[in-house]
Amino acid sequence: MKKSLRTVSVVLFSLSVLCGLLTIIGILLLPAEIATPEKYAGENISGIPYSDTPQNKGLLFTLPDSSGAFIYFDFDDILTHCYLFSENAAENAENLPYFIDYTFNITPDFLASLCDRLGGVVMTDKNGVSSLYFSASLTAFWQNVPTEEQRLQHCISFFDKIAKTGLSSEDFMFIIEETNTNLSYSVCYDWIPHIKEMFCNYVFE
């Protein structure tokens, strides 16, 4: 009988000690489990990278014949301003109310290659007939010395295509590698999520 009572006492004592330890552990660990960690700008939330609005930038594109275009990305107002120049593009761009942040020396061959990367561009002639252009037909287009109106249509065709497809990180790498430019990949990487919207809203001036 005494042995049974001693056994019961030992069991009860062991259970009391175990319950006490579990209670202490629970008190110590509970705050860590229920506390919500603070998120800082730049961290991933639900796997989505934090993305801020890029700074507004001006891009000057010049062709070997000194013609070209100046594109100003107004990320604040989600609007792209585009100026076309049939000659002296660099000089004319200097007189615009925007700063030239990045320059690109391009060729018709580069435009043809970019056209193929985008899957072709649609251009409409003066009779309202639309045609899908790839590198070969686009090269012929430039060999015929396009008029200012044709240059405008050419630029619009690229804008409309990019508005639909956007530009991937690989496309930007291609642009940087195939043109003589001071743009770096680390800069344009932040533009990628905004590019489709920026090319949807454009004004030619």
N, C-alpha and C. Protein backbone atom coordinates (compact mmCIF):
# COMPACT_ATOMS: atom_id res chain seq x y z
N MET A 1 0.83 -1.20 0.00
CA MET A 1 0.00 0.00 0.00
C MET A 1 0.86 1.26 0.00
N LYS A 2 1.89 1.26 0.90
CA LYS A 2 2.79 2.41 0.95
C LYS A 2 3.55 2.56 -0.36
N LYS A 3 3.91 1.42 -0.95
CA LYS A 3 4.64 1.47 -2.22
C LYS A 3 3.78 2.08 -3.31
N SER A 4 2.47 1.76 -3.31
CA SER A 4 1.56 2.30 -4.31
C SER A 4 1.42 3.81 -4.14
N LEU A 5 1.30 4.25 -2.88
CA LEU A 5 1.18 5.69 -2.62
C LEU A 5 2.43 6.43 -3.05
N ARG A 6 3.61 5.79 -2.79
CA ARG A 6 4.88 6.42 -3.18
C ARG A 6 4.95 6.55 -4.71
N THR A 7 4.50 5.52 -5.41
CA THR A 7 4.52 5.54 -6.88
C THR A 7 3.62 6.64 -7.43
N VAL A 8 2.41 6.74 -6.86
CA VAL A 8 1.47 7.78 -7.29
C VAL A 8 2.05 9.17 -7.04
N SER A 9 2.71 9.33 -5.91
CA SER A 9 3.31 10.63 -5.56
C SER A 9 4.39 11.01 -6.55
N VAL A 10 5.22 10.01 -6.91
CA VAL A 10 6.30 10.27 -7.88
C VAL A 10 5.72 10.68 -9.23
N VAL A 11 4.67 9.97 -9.64
CA VAL A 11 4.04 10.28 -10.93
C VAL A 11 3.45 11.67 -10.93
N LEU A 12 2.74 12.00 -9.86
CA LEU A 12 2.13 13.33 -9.76
C LEU A 12 3.18 14.43 -9.74
N PHE A 13 4.27 14.17 -9.03
CA PHE A 13 5.35 15.15 -8.95
C PHE A 13 5.99 15.36 -10.33
N SER A 14 6.20 14.25 -11.05
CA SER A 14 6.79 14.34 -12.38
C SER A 14 5.90 15.12 -13.34
N LEU A 15 4.57 14.84 -13.24
CA LEU A 15 3.63 15.56 -14.09
C LEU A 15 3.61 17.05 -13.78
N SER A 16 3.72 17.37 -12.49
CA SER A 16 3.73 18.78 -12.09
C SER A 16 4.95 19.50 -12.63
N VAL A 17 6.09 18.80 -12.54
CA VAL A 17 7.33 19.40 -13.05
C VAL A 17 7.24 19.60 -14.56
N LEU A 18 6.70 18.58 -15.28
CA LEU A 18 6.57 18.66 -16.72
C LEU A 18 5.64 19.79 -17.15
N CYS A 19 4.50 19.90 -16.43
CA CYS A 19 3.56 20.98 -16.74
C CYS A 19 4.20 22.35 -16.50
N GLY A 20 4.98 22.43 -15.44
CA GLY A 20 5.65 23.69 -15.13
C GLY A 20 6.64 24.08 -16.22
N LEU A 21 7.40 23.10 -16.69
CA LEU A 21 8.37 23.38 -17.75
C LEU A 21 7.68 23.81 -19.04
N LEU A 22 6.58 23.09 -19.40
CA LEU A 22 5.84 23.45 -20.61
C LEU A 22 5.25 24.85 -20.51
N THR A 23 4.80 25.22 -19.33
CA THR A 23 4.24 26.56 -19.13
C THR A 23 5.30 27.63 -19.31
N ILE A 24 6.47 27.39 -18.75
CA ILE A 24 7.57 28.36 -18.88
C ILE A 24 8.01 28.50 -20.33
N ILE A 25 8.13 27.35 -21.03
CA ILE A 25 8.52 27.38 -22.44
C ILE A 25 7.48 28.12 -23.28
N GLY A 26 6.20 27.87 -22.98
CA GLY A 26 5.12 28.54 -23.70
C GLY A 26 5.15 30.04 -23.51
N ILE A 27 5.41 30.48 -22.28
CA ILE A 27 5.47 31.92 -22.00
C ILE A 27 6.61 32.57 -22.75
N LEU A 28 7.74 31.86 -22.87
CA LEU A 28 8.90 32.42 -23.54
C LEU A 28 8.74 32.47 -25.06
N LEU A 29 8.09 31.45 -25.62
CA LEU A 29 8.00 31.36 -27.07
C LEU A 29 6.78 32.05 -27.65
N LEU A 30 5.71 32.21 -26.90
CA LEU A 30 4.46 32.76 -27.42
C LEU A 30 4.62 34.14 -28.04
N PRO A 31 5.30 35.10 -27.40
CA PRO A 31 5.44 36.43 -28.01
C PRO A 31 6.14 36.39 -29.36
N ALA A 32 7.11 35.49 -29.49
CA ALA A 32 7.84 35.40 -30.76
C ALA A 32 6.95 34.87 -31.87
N GLU A 33 5.98 34.02 -31.50
CA GLU A 33 5.10 33.42 -32.50
C GLU A 33 4.04 34.39 -32.97
N ILE A 34 3.50 35.23 -32.04
CA ILE A 34 2.37 36.09 -32.40
C ILE A 34 2.81 37.46 -32.87
N ALA A 35 4.07 37.82 -32.65
CA ALA A 35 4.55 39.14 -33.08
C ALA A 35 4.63 39.19 -34.60
N THR A 36 4.22 40.32 -35.21
CA THR A 36 4.29 40.51 -36.66
C THR A 36 5.57 41.23 -37.01
N PRO A 37 6.46 40.61 -37.80
CA PRO A 37 7.71 41.27 -38.14
C PRO A 37 7.47 42.51 -38.98
N GLU A 38 8.24 43.54 -38.72
CA GLU A 38 8.11 44.80 -39.43
C GLU A 38 8.73 44.68 -40.81
N LYS A 39 8.00 45.22 -41.83
CA LYS A 39 8.50 45.20 -43.19
C LYS A 39 9.08 46.57 -43.54
N TYR A 40 10.20 46.56 -44.22
CA TYR A 40 10.84 47.79 -44.65
C TYR A 40 10.75 47.90 -46.16
N ALA A 41 10.77 49.15 -46.66
CA ALA A 41 10.75 49.37 -48.10
C ALA A 41 11.91 48.66 -48.75
N GLY A 42 11.62 47.94 -49.83
CA GLY A 42 12.67 47.21 -50.51
C GLY A 42 12.60 45.72 -50.26
N GLU A 43 11.87 45.30 -49.20
CA GLU A 43 11.74 43.87 -48.93
C GLU A 43 10.63 43.28 -49.79
N ASN A 44 10.66 41.98 -49.97
CA ASN A 44 9.61 41.29 -50.71
C ASN A 44 8.42 41.04 -49.80
N ILE A 45 7.22 41.36 -50.28
CA ILE A 45 5.99 41.09 -49.55
C ILE A 45 5.16 40.13 -50.39
N SER A 46 4.91 38.95 -49.85
CA SER A 46 4.19 37.90 -50.57
C SER A 46 4.86 37.57 -51.89
N GLY A 47 6.18 37.64 -51.92
CA GLY A 47 6.92 37.28 -53.12
C GLY A 47 6.95 38.34 -54.19
N ILE A 48 6.33 39.52 -53.94
CA ILE A 48 6.29 40.58 -54.94
C ILE A 48 7.35 41.61 -54.60
N PRO A 49 8.33 41.86 -55.48
CA PRO A 49 9.38 42.82 -55.18
C PRO A 49 8.82 44.23 -55.01
N TYR A 50 9.35 44.96 -54.05
CA TYR A 50 8.97 46.34 -53.84
C TYR A 50 9.45 47.17 -55.03
N SER A 51 8.58 47.99 -55.60
CA SER A 51 8.95 48.78 -56.77
C SER A 51 8.48 50.21 -56.59
N ASP A 52 9.42 51.15 -56.62
CA ASP A 52 9.09 52.56 -56.52
C ASP A 52 8.99 53.16 -57.91
N THR A 53 8.41 54.35 -58.02
CA THR A 53 8.31 55.02 -59.33
C THR A 53 9.69 55.50 -59.75
N PRO A 54 10.14 55.12 -60.95
CA PRO A 54 11.46 55.56 -61.41
C PRO A 54 11.50 57.08 -61.61
N GLN A 55 12.70 57.63 -61.64
CA GLN A 55 12.86 59.04 -61.92
C GLN A 55 12.64 59.30 -63.41
N ASN A 56 12.10 60.47 -63.73
CA ASN A 56 11.88 60.85 -65.13
C ASN A 56 13.22 60.91 -65.86
N LYS A 57 13.23 60.43 -67.13
CA LYS A 57 14.49 60.37 -67.88
C LYS A 57 14.28 60.76 -69.34
N GLY A 58 15.32 61.37 -69.92
CA GLY A 58 15.31 61.74 -71.32
C GLY A 58 16.28 60.89 -72.12
N LEU A 59 15.82 60.34 -73.26
CA LEU A 59 16.63 59.44 -74.08
C LEU A 59 16.74 60.01 -75.49
N LEU A 60 17.97 60.15 -75.97
CA LEU A 60 18.21 60.66 -77.32
C LEU A 60 18.71 59.53 -78.21
N PHE A 61 18.01 59.31 -79.34
CA PHE A 61 18.39 58.29 -80.32
C PHE A 61 18.83 58.99 -81.60
N THR A 62 20.03 58.70 -82.08
CA THR A 62 20.52 59.32 -83.30
C THR A 62 20.93 58.26 -84.32
N LEU A 63 20.61 58.53 -85.58
CA LEU A 63 20.98 57.67 -86.70
C LEU A 63 22.22 58.25 -87.39
N PRO A 64 22.89 57.46 -88.23
CA PRO A 64 24.11 57.94 -88.90
C PRO A 64 23.92 59.21 -89.72
N ASP A 65 22.69 59.45 -90.24
CA ASP A 65 22.45 60.65 -91.06
C ASP A 65 22.11 61.87 -90.21
N SER A 66 22.30 61.76 -88.89
CA SER A 66 22.04 62.81 -87.88
C SER A 66 20.57 62.99 -87.54
N SER A 67 19.68 62.24 -88.20
CA SER A 67 18.27 62.26 -87.80
C SER A 67 18.11 61.45 -86.53
N GLY A 68 16.95 61.55 -85.93
CA GLY A 68 16.75 60.78 -84.71
C GLY A 68 15.50 61.18 -83.96
N ALA A 69 15.46 60.80 -82.70
CA ALA A 69 14.29 61.06 -81.87
C ALA A 69 14.72 61.28 -80.42
N PHE A 70 13.96 62.12 -79.74
CA PHE A 70 14.17 62.30 -78.31
C PHE A 70 12.91 61.83 -77.60
N ILE A 71 13.08 60.92 -76.64
CA ILE A 71 11.96 60.37 -75.88
C ILE A 71 12.13 60.73 -74.41
N TYR A 72 11.10 61.32 -73.84
CA TYR A 72 11.14 61.69 -72.42
C TYR A 72 10.11 60.87 -71.66
N PHE A 73 10.60 60.04 -70.75
CA PHE A 73 9.73 59.24 -69.90
C PHE A 73 9.33 60.05 -68.67
N ASP A 74 8.08 60.47 -68.63
CA ASP A 74 7.54 61.17 -67.46
C ASP A 74 6.82 60.13 -66.61
N PHE A 75 7.58 59.45 -65.76
CA PHE A 75 6.99 58.39 -64.95
C PHE A 75 6.00 58.93 -63.92
N ASP A 76 6.16 60.18 -63.53
CA ASP A 76 5.24 60.77 -62.54
C ASP A 76 3.83 60.86 -63.10
N ASP A 77 3.70 61.33 -64.34
CA ASP A 77 2.38 61.50 -64.96
C ASP A 77 2.02 60.35 -65.89
N ILE A 78 2.88 59.33 -65.94
CA ILE A 78 2.67 58.17 -66.82
C ILE A 78 2.43 58.65 -68.26
N LEU A 79 3.38 59.41 -68.78
CA LEU A 79 3.25 59.99 -70.11
C LEU A 79 4.62 60.03 -70.78
N THR A 80 4.66 59.69 -72.07
CA THR A 80 5.90 59.70 -72.83
C THR A 80 5.82 60.78 -73.91
N HIS A 81 6.77 61.70 -73.89
CA HIS A 81 6.87 62.75 -74.90
C HIS A 81 7.90 62.32 -75.94
N CYS A 82 7.57 62.48 -77.21
CA CYS A 82 8.49 62.07 -78.28
C CYS A 82 8.63 63.19 -79.30
N TYR A 83 9.89 63.51 -79.62
CA TYR A 83 10.21 64.52 -80.63
C TYR A 83 11.02 63.84 -81.73
N LEU A 84 10.61 64.03 -82.98
CA LEU A 84 11.32 63.47 -84.12
C LEU A 84 12.09 64.57 -84.85
N PHE A 85 13.30 64.25 -85.28
CA PHE A 85 14.14 65.22 -85.99
C PHE A 85 14.65 64.57 -87.27
N SER A 86 14.43 65.27 -88.40
CA SER A 86 14.91 64.74 -89.68
C SER A 86 16.39 65.02 -89.88
N GLU A 87 16.94 65.95 -89.07
CA GLU A 87 18.38 66.26 -89.13
C GLU A 87 18.81 66.93 -87.82
N ASN A 88 20.10 66.89 -87.57
CA ASN A 88 20.68 67.53 -86.39
C ASN A 88 19.92 67.19 -85.10
N ALA A 89 19.65 65.92 -84.92
CA ALA A 89 18.87 65.49 -83.76
C ALA A 89 19.52 65.89 -82.44
N ALA A 90 20.83 65.71 -82.33
CA ALA A 90 21.52 66.02 -81.09
C ALA A 90 21.42 67.51 -80.76
N GLU A 91 21.62 68.37 -81.76
CA GLU A 91 21.56 69.81 -81.52
C GLU A 91 20.13 70.24 -81.18
N ASN A 92 19.17 69.72 -81.90
CA ASN A 92 17.77 70.10 -81.66
C ASN A 92 17.29 69.64 -80.29
N ALA A 93 17.76 68.49 -79.88
CA ALA A 93 17.34 67.96 -78.58
C ALA A 93 17.87 68.83 -77.43
N GLU A 94 19.01 69.46 -77.65
CA GLU A 94 19.59 70.34 -76.63
C GLU A 94 18.68 71.53 -76.34
N ASN A 95 17.85 71.91 -77.30
CA ASN A 95 16.98 73.07 -77.13
C ASN A 95 15.63 72.73 -76.50
N LEU A 96 15.42 71.47 -76.22
CA LEU A 96 14.16 71.06 -75.59
C LEU A 96 14.19 71.35 -74.10
N PRO A 97 13.03 71.47 -73.46
CA PRO A 97 12.98 71.76 -72.02
C PRO A 97 13.22 70.53 -71.14
N TYR A 98 14.01 69.59 -71.65
CA TYR A 98 14.30 68.36 -70.91
C TYR A 98 15.79 68.09 -70.93
N PHE A 99 16.24 67.38 -69.93
CA PHE A 99 17.66 67.02 -69.87
C PHE A 99 17.87 65.69 -70.59
N ILE A 100 18.96 65.59 -71.35
CA ILE A 100 19.31 64.34 -72.03
C ILE A 100 20.11 63.48 -71.07
N ASP A 101 19.48 62.44 -70.55
CA ASP A 101 20.15 61.56 -69.58
C ASP A 101 20.96 60.47 -70.27
N TYR A 102 20.41 59.92 -71.35
CA TYR A 102 21.07 58.79 -72.02
C TYR A 102 21.01 58.99 -73.53
N THR A 103 22.08 58.61 -74.20
CA THR A 103 22.15 58.72 -75.66
C THR A 103 22.34 57.34 -76.27
N PHE A 104 21.81 57.16 -77.48
CA PHE A 104 21.90 55.90 -78.20
C PHE A 104 22.26 56.19 -79.65
N ASN A 105 23.37 55.66 -80.11
CA ASN A 105 23.72 55.73 -81.53
C ASN A 105 23.22 54.45 -82.18
N ILE A 106 22.20 54.58 -83.02
CA ILE A 106 21.54 53.41 -83.59
C ILE A 106 21.69 53.40 -85.10
N THR A 107 21.35 52.29 -85.73
CA THR A 107 21.40 52.13 -87.18
C THR A 107 20.09 51.50 -87.64
N PRO A 108 19.76 51.61 -88.92
CA PRO A 108 18.58 50.92 -89.45
C PRO A 108 18.65 49.40 -89.22
N ASP A 109 19.86 48.85 -89.26
CA ASP A 109 20.01 47.40 -89.01
C ASP A 109 19.59 47.05 -87.59
N PHE A 110 19.93 47.91 -86.65
CA PHE A 110 19.50 47.66 -85.26
C PHE A 110 17.99 47.71 -85.15
N LEU A 111 17.36 48.71 -85.79
CA LEU A 111 15.90 48.81 -85.75
C LEU A 111 15.25 47.58 -86.37
N ALA A 112 15.86 47.06 -87.44
CA ALA A 112 15.32 45.87 -88.09
C ALA A 112 15.41 44.67 -87.15
N SER A 113 16.53 44.53 -86.45
CA SER A 113 16.70 43.41 -85.51
C SER A 113 15.73 43.54 -84.34
N LEU A 114 15.55 44.76 -83.84
CA LEU A 114 14.60 44.98 -82.74
C LEU A 114 13.19 44.66 -83.20
N CYS A 115 12.88 45.02 -84.44
CA CYS A 115 11.56 44.72 -85.01
C CYS A 115 11.29 43.21 -84.97
N ASP A 116 12.27 42.41 -85.36
CA ASP A 116 12.10 40.95 -85.34
C ASP A 116 11.94 40.43 -83.92
N ARG A 117 12.67 41.01 -82.96
CA ARG A 117 12.54 40.58 -81.56
C ARG A 117 11.12 40.82 -81.04
N LEU A 118 10.51 41.89 -81.54
CA LEU A 118 9.17 42.23 -81.09
C LEU A 118 8.08 41.45 -81.83
N GLY A 119 8.50 40.68 -82.83
CA GLY A 119 7.51 39.92 -83.61
C GLY A 119 6.92 40.71 -84.75
N GLY A 120 7.65 41.73 -85.22
CA GLY A 120 7.16 42.55 -86.32
C GLY A 120 6.36 43.75 -85.83
N VAL A 121 6.28 44.79 -86.68
CA VAL A 121 5.49 45.98 -86.35
C VAL A 121 4.53 46.26 -87.50
N VAL A 122 3.39 46.82 -87.17
CA VAL A 122 2.36 47.12 -88.16
C VAL A 122 2.46 48.59 -88.55
N MET A 123 2.61 48.85 -89.86
CA MET A 123 2.68 50.21 -90.38
C MET A 123 1.56 50.43 -91.37
N THR A 124 0.99 51.62 -91.36
CA THR A 124 -0.12 51.97 -92.25
C THR A 124 0.33 53.01 -93.26
N ASP A 125 0.09 52.76 -94.54
CA ASP A 125 0.52 53.71 -95.56
C ASP A 125 -0.51 54.83 -95.72
N LYS A 126 -0.23 55.76 -96.66
CA LYS A 126 -1.09 56.94 -96.83
C LYS A 126 -2.48 56.57 -97.34
N ASN A 127 -2.63 55.36 -97.88
CA ASN A 127 -3.95 54.91 -98.35
C ASN A 127 -4.73 54.16 -97.27
N GLY A 128 -4.14 54.10 -96.08
CA GLY A 128 -4.82 53.43 -94.97
C GLY A 128 -4.64 51.93 -94.95
N VAL A 129 -3.73 51.42 -95.77
CA VAL A 129 -3.48 49.98 -95.81
C VAL A 129 -2.40 49.63 -94.78
N SER A 130 -2.71 48.70 -93.90
CA SER A 130 -1.77 48.29 -92.85
C SER A 130 -1.02 47.03 -93.28
N SER A 131 0.28 47.03 -93.01
CA SER A 131 1.12 45.87 -93.35
C SER A 131 2.03 45.54 -92.18
N LEU A 132 2.29 44.23 -92.03
CA LEU A 132 3.20 43.78 -90.98
C LEU A 132 4.62 43.79 -91.51
N TYR A 133 5.50 44.54 -90.85
CA TYR A 133 6.89 44.67 -91.28
C TYR A 133 7.81 43.84 -90.40
N PHE A 134 8.74 43.15 -91.06
CA PHE A 134 9.83 42.48 -90.36
C PHE A 134 11.14 43.11 -90.84
N SER A 135 12.26 42.53 -90.48
CA SER A 135 13.56 43.15 -90.75
C SER A 135 13.79 43.48 -92.22
N ALA A 136 13.48 42.56 -93.13
CA ALA A 136 13.75 42.78 -94.55
C ALA A 136 12.97 43.97 -95.09
N SER A 137 11.66 43.99 -94.82
CA SER A 137 10.83 45.08 -95.33
C SER A 137 11.14 46.40 -94.63
N LEU A 138 11.57 46.33 -93.37
CA LEU A 138 11.91 47.55 -92.65
C LEU A 138 13.22 48.14 -93.18
N THR A 139 14.16 47.27 -93.54
CA THR A 139 15.41 47.74 -94.13
C THR A 139 15.15 48.43 -95.47
N ALA A 140 14.27 47.86 -96.26
CA ALA A 140 13.90 48.47 -97.54
C ALA A 140 13.22 49.81 -97.32
N PHE A 141 12.43 49.90 -96.27
CA PHE A 141 11.74 51.14 -95.92
C PHE A 141 12.76 52.26 -95.69
N TRP A 142 13.84 51.96 -94.97
CA TRP A 142 14.83 52.99 -94.68
C TRP A 142 15.71 53.29 -95.89
N GLN A 143 15.91 52.32 -96.76
CA GLN A 143 16.72 52.55 -97.96
C GLN A 143 16.03 53.50 -98.93
N ASN A 144 14.72 53.60 -98.84
CA ASN A 144 13.96 54.50 -99.71
C ASN A 144 13.88 55.93 -99.17
N VAL A 145 14.66 56.23 -98.16
CA VAL A 145 14.71 57.57 -97.55
C VAL A 145 13.30 58.04 -97.19
N PRO A 146 12.79 57.61 -96.05
CA PRO A 146 11.42 57.94 -95.65
C PRO A 146 11.21 59.43 -95.40
N THR A 147 9.99 59.88 -95.66
CA THR A 147 9.61 61.26 -95.40
C THR A 147 9.37 61.44 -93.89
N GLU A 148 9.14 62.67 -93.47
CA GLU A 148 8.87 62.92 -92.05
C GLU A 148 7.60 62.20 -91.61
N GLU A 149 6.60 62.19 -92.48
CA GLU A 149 5.35 61.49 -92.15
C GLU A 149 5.59 59.99 -92.00
N GLN A 150 6.43 59.42 -92.86
CA GLN A 150 6.74 58.00 -92.77
C GLN A 150 7.56 57.68 -91.52
N ARG A 151 8.46 58.58 -91.16
CA ARG A 151 9.25 58.40 -89.94
C ARG A 151 8.33 58.38 -88.72
N LEU A 152 7.34 59.28 -88.75
CA LEU A 152 6.37 59.33 -87.65
C LEU A 152 5.60 58.02 -87.57
N GLN A 153 5.15 57.51 -88.70
CA GLN A 153 4.42 56.24 -88.72
C GLN A 153 5.29 55.10 -88.25
N HIS A 154 6.56 55.15 -88.62
CA HIS A 154 7.52 54.13 -88.20
C HIS A 154 7.66 54.13 -86.67
N CYS A 155 7.79 55.32 -86.11
CA CYS A 155 7.94 55.44 -84.66
C CYS A 155 6.67 54.99 -83.93
N ILE A 156 5.52 55.40 -84.45
CA ILE A 156 4.24 55.01 -83.84
C ILE A 156 4.09 53.49 -83.85
N SER A 157 4.53 52.85 -84.94
CA SER A 157 4.39 51.39 -85.03
C SER A 157 5.18 50.69 -83.93
N PHE A 158 6.37 51.22 -83.61
CA PHE A 158 7.15 50.64 -82.53
C PHE A 158 6.50 50.92 -81.17
N PHE A 159 5.99 52.13 -80.99
CA PHE A 159 5.34 52.47 -79.74
C PHE A 159 4.14 51.56 -79.49
N ASP A 160 3.31 51.38 -80.52
CA ASP A 160 2.10 50.56 -80.36
C ASP A 160 2.46 49.10 -80.07
N LYS A 161 3.53 48.61 -80.70
CA LYS A 161 3.94 47.22 -80.48
C LYS A 161 4.44 47.04 -79.05
N ILE A 162 5.28 47.95 -78.58
CA ILE A 162 5.81 47.84 -77.22
C ILE A 162 4.71 48.02 -76.19
N ALA A 163 3.70 48.85 -76.52
CA ALA A 163 2.56 49.02 -75.61
C ALA A 163 1.82 47.71 -75.40
N LYS A 164 1.86 46.83 -76.40
CA LYS A 164 1.17 45.54 -76.30
C LYS A 164 2.06 44.46 -75.66
N THR A 165 3.33 44.45 -76.02
CA THR A 165 4.21 43.36 -75.58
C THR A 165 5.13 43.73 -74.43
N GLY A 166 5.40 45.04 -74.26
CA GLY A 166 6.37 45.46 -73.26
C GLY A 166 7.79 45.16 -73.72
N LEU A 167 8.74 45.39 -72.85
CA LEU A 167 10.14 45.05 -73.11
C LEU A 167 10.65 44.23 -71.94
N SER A 168 11.22 43.09 -72.24
CA SER A 168 11.75 42.20 -71.20
C SER A 168 13.15 42.64 -70.81
N SER A 169 13.68 42.02 -69.75
CA SER A 169 15.06 42.31 -69.35
C SER A 169 16.03 41.91 -70.46
N GLU A 170 15.70 40.83 -71.20
CA GLU A 170 16.55 40.41 -72.32
C GLU A 170 16.51 41.44 -73.45
N ASP A 171 15.34 42.06 -73.67
CA ASP A 171 15.24 43.10 -74.70
C ASP A 171 16.12 44.29 -74.35
N PHE A 172 16.11 44.68 -73.08
CA PHE A 172 16.95 45.80 -72.67
C PHE A 172 18.43 45.45 -72.78
N MET A 173 18.78 44.23 -72.46
CA MET A 173 20.17 43.81 -72.62
C MET A 173 20.57 43.89 -74.09
N PHE A 174 19.67 43.47 -74.98
CA PHE A 174 19.94 43.53 -76.42
C PHE A 174 20.15 44.98 -76.85
N ILE A 175 19.29 45.87 -76.40
CA ILE A 175 19.40 47.28 -76.77
C ILE A 175 20.72 47.87 -76.30
N ILE A 176 21.11 47.56 -75.08
CA ILE A 176 22.36 48.10 -74.53
C ILE A 176 23.57 47.55 -75.27
N GLU A 177 23.53 46.26 -75.59
CA GLU A 177 24.67 45.62 -76.25
C GLU A 177 24.80 46.00 -77.72
N GLU A 178 23.67 46.30 -78.38
CA GLU A 178 23.68 46.54 -79.82
C GLU A 178 23.73 48.02 -80.19
N THR A 179 23.75 48.91 -79.22
CA THR A 179 23.85 50.34 -79.50
C THR A 179 25.00 50.92 -78.69
N ASN A 180 25.48 52.04 -79.16
CA ASN A 180 26.51 52.76 -78.41
C ASN A 180 25.78 53.68 -77.44
N THR A 181 25.66 53.28 -76.20
CA THR A 181 24.85 54.00 -75.23
C THR A 181 25.54 54.06 -73.87
N ASN A 182 25.15 55.06 -73.09
CA ASN A 182 25.65 55.18 -71.72
C ASN A 182 24.63 54.67 -70.71
N LEU A 183 23.56 54.05 -71.20
CA LEU A 183 22.56 53.46 -70.31
C LEU A 183 23.09 52.14 -69.75
N SER A 184 22.87 51.92 -68.47
CA SER A 184 23.28 50.67 -67.83
C SER A 184 22.05 49.84 -67.49
N TYR A 185 22.25 48.54 -67.41
CA TYR A 185 21.13 47.63 -67.14
C TYR A 185 20.52 47.89 -65.77
N SER A 186 21.35 48.26 -64.80
CA SER A 186 20.85 48.49 -63.44
C SER A 186 19.84 49.62 -63.39
N VAL A 187 19.95 50.56 -64.33
CA VAL A 187 19.00 51.69 -64.39
C VAL A 187 17.69 51.26 -65.02
N CYS A 188 17.77 50.68 -66.21
CA CYS A 188 16.55 50.35 -66.94
C CYS A 188 15.79 49.17 -66.33
N TYR A 189 16.43 48.41 -65.44
CA TYR A 189 15.74 47.29 -64.80
C TYR A 189 14.49 47.78 -64.06
N ASP A 190 14.58 48.97 -63.45
CA ASP A 190 13.44 49.51 -62.71
C ASP A 190 12.34 50.02 -63.64
N TRP A 191 12.66 50.19 -64.93
CA TRP A 191 11.65 50.66 -65.88
C TRP A 191 10.73 49.54 -66.36
N ILE A 192 11.22 48.31 -66.33
CA ILE A 192 10.52 47.19 -66.96
C ILE A 192 9.05 47.08 -66.55
N PRO A 193 8.69 47.16 -65.25
CA PRO A 193 7.27 47.03 -64.88
C PRO A 193 6.40 48.17 -65.40
N HIS A 194 7.01 49.28 -65.81
CA HIS A 194 6.24 50.47 -66.23
C HIS A 194 6.21 50.68 -67.74
N ILE A 195 7.02 49.93 -68.48
CA ILE A 195 7.21 50.21 -69.90
C ILE A 195 5.92 50.12 -70.73
N LYS A 196 5.13 49.08 -70.55
CA LYS A 196 3.91 48.94 -71.35
C LYS A 196 2.99 50.14 -71.16
N GLU A 197 2.82 50.55 -69.92
CA GLU A 197 1.95 51.69 -69.63
C GLU A 197 2.52 52.98 -70.20
N MET A 198 3.85 53.15 -70.13
CA MET A 198 4.48 54.36 -70.64
C MET A 198 4.32 54.46 -72.16
N PHE A 199 4.39 53.33 -72.86
CA PHE A 199 4.26 53.35 -74.32
C PHE A 199 2.80 53.38 -74.76
N CYS A 200 1.88 53.16 -73.85
CA CYS A 200 0.45 53.31 -74.17
C CYS A 200 0.07 54.78 -74.21
N ASN A 201 0.71 55.56 -73.38
CA ASN A 201 0.37 56.98 -73.24
C ASN A 201 1.51 57.83 -73.80
N TYR A 202 1.41 58.20 -75.06
CA TYR A 202 2.49 58.96 -75.68
C TYR A 202 1.93 60.16 -76.43
N VAL A 203 2.79 61.16 -76.56
CA VAL A 203 2.45 62.39 -77.30
C VAL A 203 3.63 62.74 -78.20
N PHE A 204 3.38 62.91 -79.50
CA PHE A 204 4.41 63.36 -80.43
C PHE A 204 4.31 64.87 -80.58
N GLU A 205 5.44 65.52 -80.37
CA GLU A 205 5.43 66.99 -80.36
C GLU A 205 6.42 67.54 -81.36
